[in-house]
PDB file of N, CA and C in Angstrom:
ATOM      1  N   UNK A   1     -88.964  35.020  99.945  1.00  0.00           N
ATOM      2  CA  UNK A   1     -87.533  34.990 100.153  1.00  0.00           C
ATOM      3  C   UNK A   1     -86.911  36.046  99.240  1.00  0.00           C
ATOM      4  N   UNK A   2     -86.188  36.982  99.822  1.00  0.00           N
ATOM      5  CA  UNK A   2     -85.530  37.997  99.002  1.00  0.00           C
ATOM      6  C   UNK A   2     -84.046  38.078  99.335  1.00  0.00           C
ATOM      7  N   UNK A   3     -83.497  37.025  99.887  1.00  0.00           N
ATOM      8  CA  UNK A   3     -82.084  37.006 100.250  1.00  0.00           C
ATOM      9  C   UNK A   3     -81.317  36.120  99.278  1.00  0.00           C
ATOM     10  N   UNK A   4     -80.099  36.537  98.967  1.00  0.00           N
ATOM     11  CA  UNK A   4     -79.270  35.816  98.004  1.00  0.00           C
ATOM     12  C   UNK A   4     -78.997  34.386  98.457  1.00  0.00           C
ATOM     13  N   UNK A   5     -78.691  33.544  97.479  1.00  0.00           N
ATOM     14  CA  UNK A   5     -78.340  32.150  97.727  1.00  0.00           C
ATOM     15  C   UNK A   5     -76.833  32.010  97.532  1.00  0.00           C
ATOM     16  N   UNK A   6     -76.161  31.414  98.520  1.00  0.00           N
ATOM     17  CA  UNK A   6     -74.710  31.250  98.476  1.00  0.00           C
ATOM     18  C   UNK A   6     -74.347  29.771  98.383  1.00  0.00           C
ATOM     19  N   UNK A   7     -73.319  29.487  97.579  1.00  0.00           N
ATOM     20  CA  UNK A   7     -72.730  28.153  97.499  1.00  0.00           C
ATOM     21  C   UNK A   7     -71.390  28.247  98.230  1.00  0.00           C
ATOM     22  N   UNK A   8     -71.278  27.586  99.379  1.00  0.00           N
ATOM     23  CA  UNK A   8     -70.078  27.714 100.213  1.00  0.00           C
ATOM     24  C   UNK A   8     -69.445  26.357 100.482  1.00  0.00           C
ATOM     25  N   UNK A   9     -68.156  26.397 100.786  1.00  0.00           N
ATOM     26  CA  UNK A   9     -67.393  25.187 101.099  1.00  0.00           C
ATOM     27  C   UNK A   9     -67.378  24.990 102.606  1.00  0.00           C
ATOM     28  N   UNK A  10     -67.536  23.761 103.045  1.00  0.00           N
ATOM     29  CA  UNK A  10     -67.571  23.439 104.472  1.00  0.00           C
ATOM     30  C   UNK A  10     -66.288  22.734 104.904  1.00  0.00           C
ATOM     31  N   UNK A  11     -66.013  22.764 106.186  1.00  0.00           N
ATOM     32  CA  UNK A  11     -64.811  22.131 106.742  1.00  0.00           C
ATOM     33  C   UNK A  11     -64.787  20.626 106.487  1.00  0.00           C
ATOM     34  N   UNK A  12     -65.953  20.015 106.374  1.00  0.00           N
ATOM     35  CA  UNK A  12     -66.005  18.563 106.129  1.00  0.00           C
ATOM     36  C   UNK A  12     -65.871  18.225 104.642  1.00  0.00           C
ATOM     37  N   UNK A  13     -65.473  19.230 103.833  1.00  0.00           N
ATOM     38  CA  UNK A  13     -65.232  19.095 102.392  1.00  0.00           C
ATOM     39  C   UNK A  13     -66.500  19.046 101.557  1.00  0.00           C
ATOM     40  N   UNK A  14     -67.659  19.248 102.160  1.00  0.00           N
ATOM     41  CA  UNK A  14     -68.894  19.280 101.383  1.00  0.00           C
ATOM     42  C   UNK A  14     -69.170  20.713 100.922  1.00  0.00           C
ATOM     43  N   UNK A  15     -70.136  20.860 100.037  1.00  0.00           N
ATOM     44  CA  UNK A  15     -70.571  22.162  99.535  1.00  0.00           C
ATOM     45  C   UNK A  15     -71.988  22.393 100.004  1.00  0.00           C
ATOM     46  N   UNK A  16     -72.263  23.608 100.490  1.00  0.00           N
ATOM     47  CA  UNK A  16     -73.568  23.921 101.063  1.00  0.00           C
ATOM     48  C   UNK A  16     -74.300  24.969 100.227  1.00  0.00           C
ATOM     49  N   UNK A  17     -75.615  24.832 100.167  1.00  0.00           N
ATOM     50  CA  UNK A  17     -76.488  25.856  99.594  1.00  0.00           C
ATOM     51  C   UNK A  17     -77.095  26.582 100.792  1.00  0.00           C
ATOM     52  N   UNK A  18     -76.794  27.885 100.912  1.00  0.00           N
ATOM     53  CA  UNK A  18     -77.186  28.645 102.097  1.00  0.00           C
ATOM     54  C   UNK A  18     -77.891  29.932 101.676  1.00  0.00           C
ATOM     55  N   UNK A  19     -78.991  30.241 102.336  1.00  0.00           N
ATOM     56  CA  UNK A  19     -79.652  31.530 102.127  1.00  0.00           C
ATOM     57  C   UNK A  19     -78.926  32.564 102.971  1.00  0.00           C
ATOM     58  N   UNK A  20     -78.656  33.736 102.417  1.00  0.00           N
ATOM     59  CA  UNK A  20     -77.950  34.792 103.127  1.00  0.00           C
ATOM     60  C   UNK A  20     -78.636  35.081 104.457  1.00  0.00           C
ATOM     61  N   UNK A  21     -77.832  35.202 105.511  1.00  0.00           N
ATOM     62  CA  UNK A  21     -78.348  35.512 106.834  1.00  0.00           C
ATOM     63  C   UNK A  21     -78.773  34.299 107.638  1.00  0.00           C
ATOM     64  N   UNK A  22     -78.740  33.126 107.033  1.00  0.00           N
ATOM     65  CA  UNK A  22     -79.160  31.914 107.728  1.00  0.00           C
ATOM     66  C   UNK A  22     -77.946  31.171 108.283  1.00  0.00           C
ATOM     67  N   UNK A  23     -78.133  30.523 109.411  1.00  0.00           N
ATOM     68  CA  UNK A  23     -77.078  29.682 109.987  1.00  0.00           C
ATOM     69  C   UNK A  23     -77.192  28.240 109.518  1.00  0.00           C
ATOM     70  N   UNK A  24     -78.241  27.937 108.790  1.00  0.00           N
ATOM     71  CA  UNK A  24     -78.502  26.567 108.368  1.00  0.00           C
ATOM     72  C   UNK A  24     -78.371  26.421 106.856  1.00  0.00           C
ATOM     73  N   UNK A  25     -77.811  25.307 106.437  1.00  0.00           N
ATOM     74  CA  UNK A  25     -77.707  25.006 105.009  1.00  0.00           C
ATOM     75  C   UNK A  25     -79.028  24.428 104.517  1.00  0.00           C
ATOM     76  N   UNK A  26     -79.400  24.798 103.296  1.00  0.00           N
ATOM     77  CA  UNK A  26     -80.586  24.224 102.661  1.00  0.00           C
ATOM     78  C   UNK A  26     -80.287  22.807 102.194  1.00  0.00           C
ATOM     79  N   UNK A  27     -79.008  22.509 101.995  1.00  0.00           N
ATOM     80  CA  UNK A  27     -78.581  21.184 101.581  1.00  0.00           C
ATOM     81  C   UNK A  27     -77.074  21.108 101.509  1.00  0.00           C
ATOM     82  N   UNK A  28     -76.525  19.909 101.673  1.00  0.00           N
ATOM     83  CA  UNK A  28     -75.087  19.659 101.572  1.00  0.00           C
ATOM     84  C   UNK A  28     -74.845  18.681 100.438  1.00  0.00           C
ATOM     85  N   UNK A  29     -73.802  18.940  99.634  1.00  0.00           N
ATOM     86  CA  UNK A  29     -73.536  18.146  98.437  1.00  0.00           C
ATOM     87  C   UNK A  29     -72.046  17.836  98.342  1.00  0.00           C
ATOM     88  N   UNK A  30     -71.693  16.701  97.746  1.00  0.00           N
ATOM     89  CA  UNK A  30     -70.280  16.320  97.664  1.00  0.00           C
ATOM     90  C   UNK A  30     -69.468  17.172  96.686  1.00  0.00           C
ATOM     91  N   UNK A  31     -70.110  17.779  95.685  1.00  0.00           N
ATOM     92  CA  UNK A  31     -69.376  18.599  94.721  1.00  0.00           C
ATOM     93  C   UNK A  31     -70.010  19.981  94.611  1.00  0.00           C
ATOM     94  N   UNK A  32     -69.191  20.934  94.198  1.00  0.00           N
ATOM     95  CA  UNK A  32     -69.675  22.291  93.999  1.00  0.00           C
ATOM     96  C   UNK A  32     -70.715  22.323  92.880  1.00  0.00           C
ATOM     97  N   UNK A  33     -70.482  21.576  91.829  1.00  0.00           N
ATOM     98  CA  UNK A  33     -71.401  21.556  90.691  1.00  0.00           C
ATOM     99  C   UNK A  33     -72.795  21.095  91.109  1.00  0.00           C
ATOM    100  N   UNK A  34     -72.876  20.073  91.955  1.00  0.00           N
ATOM    101  CA  UNK A  34     -74.180  19.607  92.431  1.00  0.00           C
ATOM    102  C   UNK A  34     -74.871  20.691  93.251  1.00  0.00           C
ATOM    103  N   UNK A  35     -74.120  21.385  94.089  1.00  0.00           N
ATOM    104  CA  UNK A  35     -74.694  22.466  94.900  1.00  0.00           C
ATOM    105  C   UNK A  35     -75.203  23.596  94.005  1.00  0.00           C
ATOM    106  N   UNK A  36     -74.451  23.924  92.955  1.00  0.00           N
ATOM    107  CA  UNK A  36     -74.873  24.972  92.027  1.00  0.00           C
ATOM    108  C   UNK A  36     -76.157  24.561  91.309  1.00  0.00           C
ATOM    109  N   UNK A  37     -76.245  23.297  90.896  1.00  0.00           N
ATOM    110  CA  UNK A  37     -77.440  22.811  90.202  1.00  0.00           C
ATOM    111  C   UNK A  37     -78.688  22.901  91.079  1.00  0.00           C
ATOM    112  N   UNK A  38     -78.522  22.792  92.380  1.00  0.00           N
ATOM    113  CA  UNK A  38     -79.654  22.922  93.304  1.00  0.00           C
ATOM    114  C   UNK A  38     -79.933  24.397  93.603  1.00  0.00           C
ATOM    115  N   UNK A  39     -78.881  25.192  93.806  1.00  0.00           N
ATOM    116  CA  UNK A  39     -79.036  26.590  94.191  1.00  0.00           C
ATOM    117  C   UNK A  39     -79.536  27.494  93.083  1.00  0.00           C
ATOM    118  N   UNK A  40     -79.142  27.223  91.830  1.00  0.00           N
ATOM    119  CA  UNK A  40     -79.522  28.096  90.712  1.00  0.00           C
ATOM    120  C   UNK A  40     -81.049  28.209  90.542  1.00  0.00           C
ATOM    121  N   UNK A  41     -81.792  27.109  90.498  1.00  0.00           N
ATOM    122  CA  UNK A  41     -83.248  27.258  90.345  1.00  0.00           C
ATOM    123  C   UNK A  41     -83.899  27.991  91.525  1.00  0.00           C
ATOM    124  N   UNK A  42     -83.355  27.827  92.717  1.00  0.00           N
ATOM    125  CA  UNK A  42     -83.889  28.542  93.880  1.00  0.00           C
ATOM    126  C   UNK A  42     -83.694  30.037  93.685  1.00  0.00           C
ATOM    127  N   UNK A  43     -82.502  30.445  93.234  1.00  0.00           N
ATOM    128  CA  UNK A  43     -82.218  31.861  92.988  1.00  0.00           C
ATOM    129  C   UNK A  43     -83.095  32.399  91.859  1.00  0.00           C
ATOM    130  N   UNK A  44     -83.304  31.613  90.817  1.00  0.00           N
ATOM    131  CA  UNK A  44     -84.130  32.058  89.692  1.00  0.00           C
ATOM    132  C   UNK A  44     -85.581  32.270  90.105  1.00  0.00           C
ATOM    133  N   UNK A  45     -86.146  31.336  90.830  1.00  0.00           N
ATOM    134  CA  UNK A  45     -87.548  31.435  91.254  1.00  0.00           C
ATOM    135  C   UNK A  45     -87.744  32.645  92.165  1.00  0.00           C
ATOM    136  N   UNK A  46     -86.770  32.895  93.043  1.00  0.00           N
ATOM    137  CA  UNK A  46     -86.894  33.989  94.010  1.00  0.00           C
ATOM    138  C   UNK A  46     -86.315  35.305  93.506  1.00  0.00           C
ATOM    139  N   UNK A  47     -85.798  35.314  92.275  1.00  0.00           N
ATOM    140  CA  UNK A  47     -85.231  36.498  91.626  1.00  0.00           C
ATOM    141  C   UNK A  47     -84.180  37.182  92.501  1.00  0.00           C
ATOM    142  N   UNK A  48     -83.198  36.388  92.941  1.00  0.00           N
ATOM    143  CA  UNK A  48     -82.092  36.897  93.746  1.00  0.00           C
ATOM    144  C   UNK A  48     -80.778  36.484  93.087  1.00  0.00           C
ATOM    145  N   UNK A  49     -79.658  36.845  93.704  1.00  0.00           N
ATOM    146  CA  UNK A  49     -78.361  36.469  93.158  1.00  0.00           C
ATOM    147  C   UNK A  49     -77.920  35.106  93.673  1.00  0.00           C
ATOM    148  N   UNK A  50     -77.237  34.373  92.811  1.00  0.00           N
ATOM    149  CA  UNK A  50     -76.554  33.147  93.198  1.00  0.00           C
ATOM    150  C   UNK A  50     -75.091  33.527  93.360  1.00  0.00           C
ATOM    151  N   UNK A  51     -74.575  33.399  94.572  1.00  0.00           N
ATOM    152  CA  UNK A  51     -73.199  33.793  94.884  1.00  0.00           C
ATOM    153  C   UNK A  51     -72.398  32.516  95.101  1.00  0.00           C
ATOM    154  N   UNK A  52     -71.403  32.298  94.232  1.00  0.00           N
ATOM    155  CA  UNK A  52     -70.608  31.074  94.271  1.00  0.00           C
ATOM    156  C   UNK A  52     -69.253  31.385  94.889  1.00  0.00           C
ATOM    157  N   UNK A  53     -68.897  30.634  95.927  1.00  0.00           N
ATOM    158  CA  UNK A  53     -67.634  30.816  96.635  1.00  0.00           C
ATOM    159  C   UNK A  53     -66.643  29.729  96.230  1.00  0.00           C
ATOM    160  N   UNK A  54     -65.340  30.015  96.388  1.00  0.00           N
ATOM    161  CA  UNK A  54     -64.318  28.995  96.107  1.00  0.00           C
ATOM    162  C   UNK A  54     -64.032  28.193  97.385  1.00  0.00           C
ATOM    163  N   UNK A  55     -63.022  27.344  97.338  1.00  0.00           N
ATOM    164  CA  UNK A  55     -62.699  26.487  98.483  1.00  0.00           C
ATOM    165  C   UNK A  55     -62.290  27.270  99.733  1.00  0.00           C
ATOM    166  N   UNK A  56     -61.804  28.488  99.553  1.00  0.00           N
ATOM    167  CA  UNK A  56     -61.425  29.340 100.688  1.00  0.00           C
ATOM    168  C   UNK A  56     -62.566  30.289 101.066  1.00  0.00           C
ATOM    169  N   UNK A  57     -63.728  30.051 100.482  1.00  0.00           N
ATOM    170  CA  UNK A  57     -64.951  30.825 100.698  1.00  0.00           C
ATOM    171  C   UNK A  57     -64.836  32.288 100.298  1.00  0.00           C
ATOM    172  N   UNK A  58     -63.979  32.559  99.313  1.00  0.00           N
ATOM    173  CA  UNK A  58     -63.951  33.877  98.675  1.00  0.00           C
ATOM    174  C   UNK A  58     -64.935  33.830  97.518  1.00  0.00           C
ATOM    175  N   UNK A  59     -65.587  34.954  97.244  1.00  0.00           N
ATOM    176  CA  UNK A  59     -66.556  34.986  96.146  1.00  0.00           C
ATOM    177  C   UNK A  59     -65.830  34.763  94.826  1.00  0.00           C
ATOM    178  N   UNK A  60     -66.278  33.756  94.099  1.00  0.00           N
ATOM    179  CA  UNK A  60     -65.686  33.383  92.818  1.00  0.00           C
ATOM    180  C   UNK A  60     -66.517  33.902  91.652  1.00  0.00           C
ATOM    181  N   UNK A  61     -67.840  33.928  91.841  1.00  0.00           N
ATOM    182  CA  UNK A  61     -68.730  34.296  90.750  1.00  0.00           C
ATOM    183  C   UNK A  61     -70.092  34.684  91.325  1.00  0.00           C
ATOM    184  N   UNK A  62     -70.827  35.491  90.567  1.00  0.00           N
ATOM    185  CA  UNK A  62     -72.197  35.854  90.936  1.00  0.00           C
ATOM    186  C   UNK A  62     -73.054  35.803  89.681  1.00  0.00           C
ATOM    187  N   UNK A  63     -74.236  35.283  89.820  1.00  0.00           N
ATOM    188  CA  UNK A  63     -75.222  35.294  88.746  1.00  0.00           C
ATOM    189  C   UNK A  63     -76.486  35.929  89.294  1.00  0.00           C
ATOM    190  N   UNK A  64     -76.948  36.984  88.631  1.00  0.00           N
ATOM    191  CA  UNK A  64     -78.118  37.715  89.098  1.00  0.00           C
ATOM    192  C   UNK A  64     -79.358  37.266  88.349  1.00  0.00           C
ATOM    193  N   UNK A  65     -80.396  36.957  89.094  1.00  0.00           N
ATOM    194  CA  UNK A  65     -81.674  36.572  88.510  1.00  0.00           C
ATOM    195  C   UNK A  65     -82.773  37.536  88.941  1.00  0.00           C
ATOM    196  N   UNK A  66     -82.366  38.710  89.437  1.00  0.00           N
ATOM    197  CA  UNK A  66     -83.322  39.711  89.901  1.00  0.00           C
ATOM    198  C   UNK A  66     -83.747  40.642  88.794  1.00  0.00           C
ATOM    199  N   UNK A  67     -84.308  41.736  89.180  1.00  0.00           N
ATOM    200  CA  UNK A  67     -84.800  42.729  88.240  1.00  0.00           C
ATOM    201  C   UNK A  67     -83.746  43.803  88.029  1.00  0.00           C
ATOM    202  N   UNK A  68     -82.653  43.469  87.392  1.00  0.00           N
ATOM    203  CA  UNK A  68     -81.581  44.412  87.126  1.00  0.00           C
ATOM    204  C   UNK A  68     -81.977  45.374  86.009  1.00  0.00           C
ATOM    205  N   UNK A  69     -81.491  46.602  86.065  1.00  0.00           N
ATOM    206  CA  UNK A  69     -81.733  47.517  84.955  1.00  0.00           C
ATOM    207  C   UNK A  69     -81.132  46.955  83.664  1.00  0.00           C
ATOM    208  N   UNK A  70     -81.718  47.242  82.494  1.00  0.00           N
ATOM    209  CA  UNK A  70     -81.240  46.645  81.252  1.00  0.00           C
ATOM    210  C   UNK A  70     -79.841  47.115  80.822  1.00  0.00           C
ATOM    211  N   UNK A  71     -79.353  48.234  81.358  1.00  0.00           N
ATOM    212  CA  UNK A  71     -78.043  48.728  80.940  1.00  0.00           C
ATOM    213  C   UNK A  71     -76.895  48.206  81.803  1.00  0.00           C
ATOM    214  N   UNK A  72     -77.167  47.318  82.751  1.00  0.00           N
ATOM    215  CA  UNK A  72     -76.124  46.746  83.600  1.00  0.00           C
ATOM    216  C   UNK A  72     -75.572  45.503  82.922  1.00  0.00           C
ATOM    217  N   UNK A  73     -74.243  45.428  82.803  1.00  0.00           N
ATOM    218  CA  UNK A  73     -73.605  44.243  82.223  1.00  0.00           C
ATOM    219  C   UNK A  73     -73.057  43.370  83.335  1.00  0.00           C
ATOM    220  N   UNK A  74     -73.236  42.075  83.208  1.00  0.00           N
ATOM    221  CA  UNK A  74     -72.720  41.124  84.169  1.00  0.00           C
ATOM    222  C   UNK A  74     -71.224  40.979  83.975  1.00  0.00           C
ATOM    223  N   UNK A  75     -70.458  41.146  85.029  1.00  0.00           N
ATOM    224  CA  UNK A  75     -69.009  40.973  84.948  1.00  0.00           C
ATOM    225  C   UNK A  75     -68.605  39.830  85.853  1.00  0.00           C
ATOM    226  N   UNK A  76     -67.635  39.085  85.433  1.00  0.00           N
ATOM    227  CA  UNK A  76     -67.128  37.965  86.211  1.00  0.00           C
ATOM    228  C   UNK A  76     -65.968  38.431  87.069  1.00  0.00           C
ATOM    229  N   UNK A  77     -65.813  37.819  88.215  1.00  0.00           N
ATOM    230  CA  UNK A  77     -64.724  38.164  89.121  1.00  0.00           C
ATOM    231  C   UNK A  77     -63.425  37.581  88.628  1.00  0.00           C
TER     232      UNK A  77
END
């Protein structure tokens, strides 16, 4: 798996852990925090980015677990 993991908000008010490019959620959770706790280890193991969306599904934050160059600084949105 080399595709980013996204935490997105669903119309039914749940939070989904979704692999980029997939139409299916890996899991649905009642809170964003629970979805992040599930998605983060998946992103770490696969060395991809964890992309966290807000309630309007705009990107709120990104955490990179890939092989970034050492001179790149992580910036928050």
